[in-house]
Amino acid sequence: MIMELNHAKSFRDLVVYQKAKKVSRAIFEISKGFPKEETYSLTDQIRRASRSIGAQIAEAWLPARRAMECSAYMR
């Protein structure tokens, strides 16, 4: 049995990236309820960490994509 794979054209097509964006938005909404005195420490750190997940996926996409294109070209 041959299974057809649908390759993502962009990191935005990756399910893991889409889930990371949803989690990031949810964390932002939840952190709105944190105490005001935590705004520039805990709240900021949590928000930056949640955004970092999607950013790291996007950063990793380009080298992986280039490697796939190079290997396809060499065939």
Protein backbone atom coordinates (compact mmCIF):
# COMPACT_ATOMS: atom_id res chain seq x y z
CA MET A 1 0.00 0.00 0.00
CA ILE A 2 1.45 3.36 -1.05
CA MET A 3 0.53 6.36 1.04
CA GLU A 4 0.66 9.83 -0.47
CA LEU A 5 2.26 12.47 1.72
CA ASN A 6 1.17 16.07 1.53
CA HIS A 7 4.26 18.18 2.01
CA ALA A 8 3.95 21.53 3.66
CA LYS A 9 4.85 24.47 1.46
CA SER A 10 5.50 26.72 4.44
CA PHE A 11 6.09 26.35 8.16
CA ARG A 12 2.63 27.88 8.56
CA ASP A 13 1.18 24.70 7.03
CA LEU A 14 2.67 22.52 9.77
CA VAL A 15 0.12 21.30 12.31
CA VAL A 16 2.64 21.75 15.12
CA TYR A 17 3.10 25.43 14.17
CA GLN A 18 -0.66 26.02 14.07
CA LYS A 19 -1.05 24.42 17.50
CA ALA A 20 1.85 26.48 18.86
CA LYS A 21 0.11 29.66 17.70
CA LYS A 22 -3.15 28.61 19.38
CA VAL A 23 -1.35 27.82 22.64
CA SER A 24 0.48 31.13 22.46
CA ARG A 25 -2.80 33.03 22.06
CA ALA A 26 -4.36 31.08 24.93
CA ILE A 27 -1.41 31.82 27.21
CA PHE A 28 -1.62 35.51 26.33
CA GLU A 29 -5.32 35.59 27.26
CA ILE A 30 -4.76 33.66 30.50
CA SER A 31 -1.83 35.88 31.49
CA LYS A 32 -4.03 38.98 31.22
CA GLY A 33 -5.46 37.89 34.56
CA PHE A 34 -2.09 37.80 36.32
CA PRO A 35 -1.46 40.37 39.05
CA LYS A 36 -0.30 43.78 37.79
CA GLU A 37 2.90 43.60 39.83
CA GLU A 38 3.94 40.59 37.71
CA THR A 39 3.54 42.45 34.40
CA TYR A 40 7.25 42.97 33.78
CA SER A 41 8.56 39.76 35.26
CA LEU A 42 6.53 36.54 35.29
CA THR A 43 3.87 37.62 32.77
CA ASP A 44 6.42 38.93 30.28
CA GLN A 45 8.60 35.83 30.60
CA ILE A 46 5.68 33.44 30.07
CA ARG A 47 4.45 35.36 27.02
CA ARG A 48 7.91 35.47 25.44
CA ALA A 49 8.40 31.75 26.05
CA SER A 50 5.07 30.91 24.41
CA ARG A 51 5.92 33.00 21.32
CA SER A 52 9.34 31.36 21.16
CA ILE A 53 7.86 27.97 20.27
CA GLY A 54 6.41 29.16 16.96
CA ALA A 55 9.50 31.24 16.21
CA GLN A 56 11.79 28.24 16.69
CA ILE A 57 9.65 26.10 14.38
CA ALA A 58 9.81 28.83 11.73
CA GLU A 59 13.58 29.18 12.13
CA ALA A 60 14.10 25.43 11.80
CA TRP A 61 11.93 25.24 8.69
CA LEU A 62 14.27 27.05 6.31
CA PRO A 63 17.37 24.84 6.73
CA ALA A 64 15.21 21.70 6.58
CA ARG A 65 13.43 22.97 3.48
CA ARG A 66 16.71 23.81 1.76
CA ALA A 67 18.07 20.35 2.52
CA MET A 68 14.97 18.70 1.00
CA GLU A 69 15.22 20.84 -2.13
CA CYS A 70 18.95 20.13 -2.50
CA SER A 71 18.47 16.38 -2.16
CA ALA A 72 15.65 16.46 -4.73
CA TYR A 73 17.84 18.46 -7.10
CA MET A 74 20.74 16.00 -6.77
CA ARG A 75 18.62 13.00 -7.82
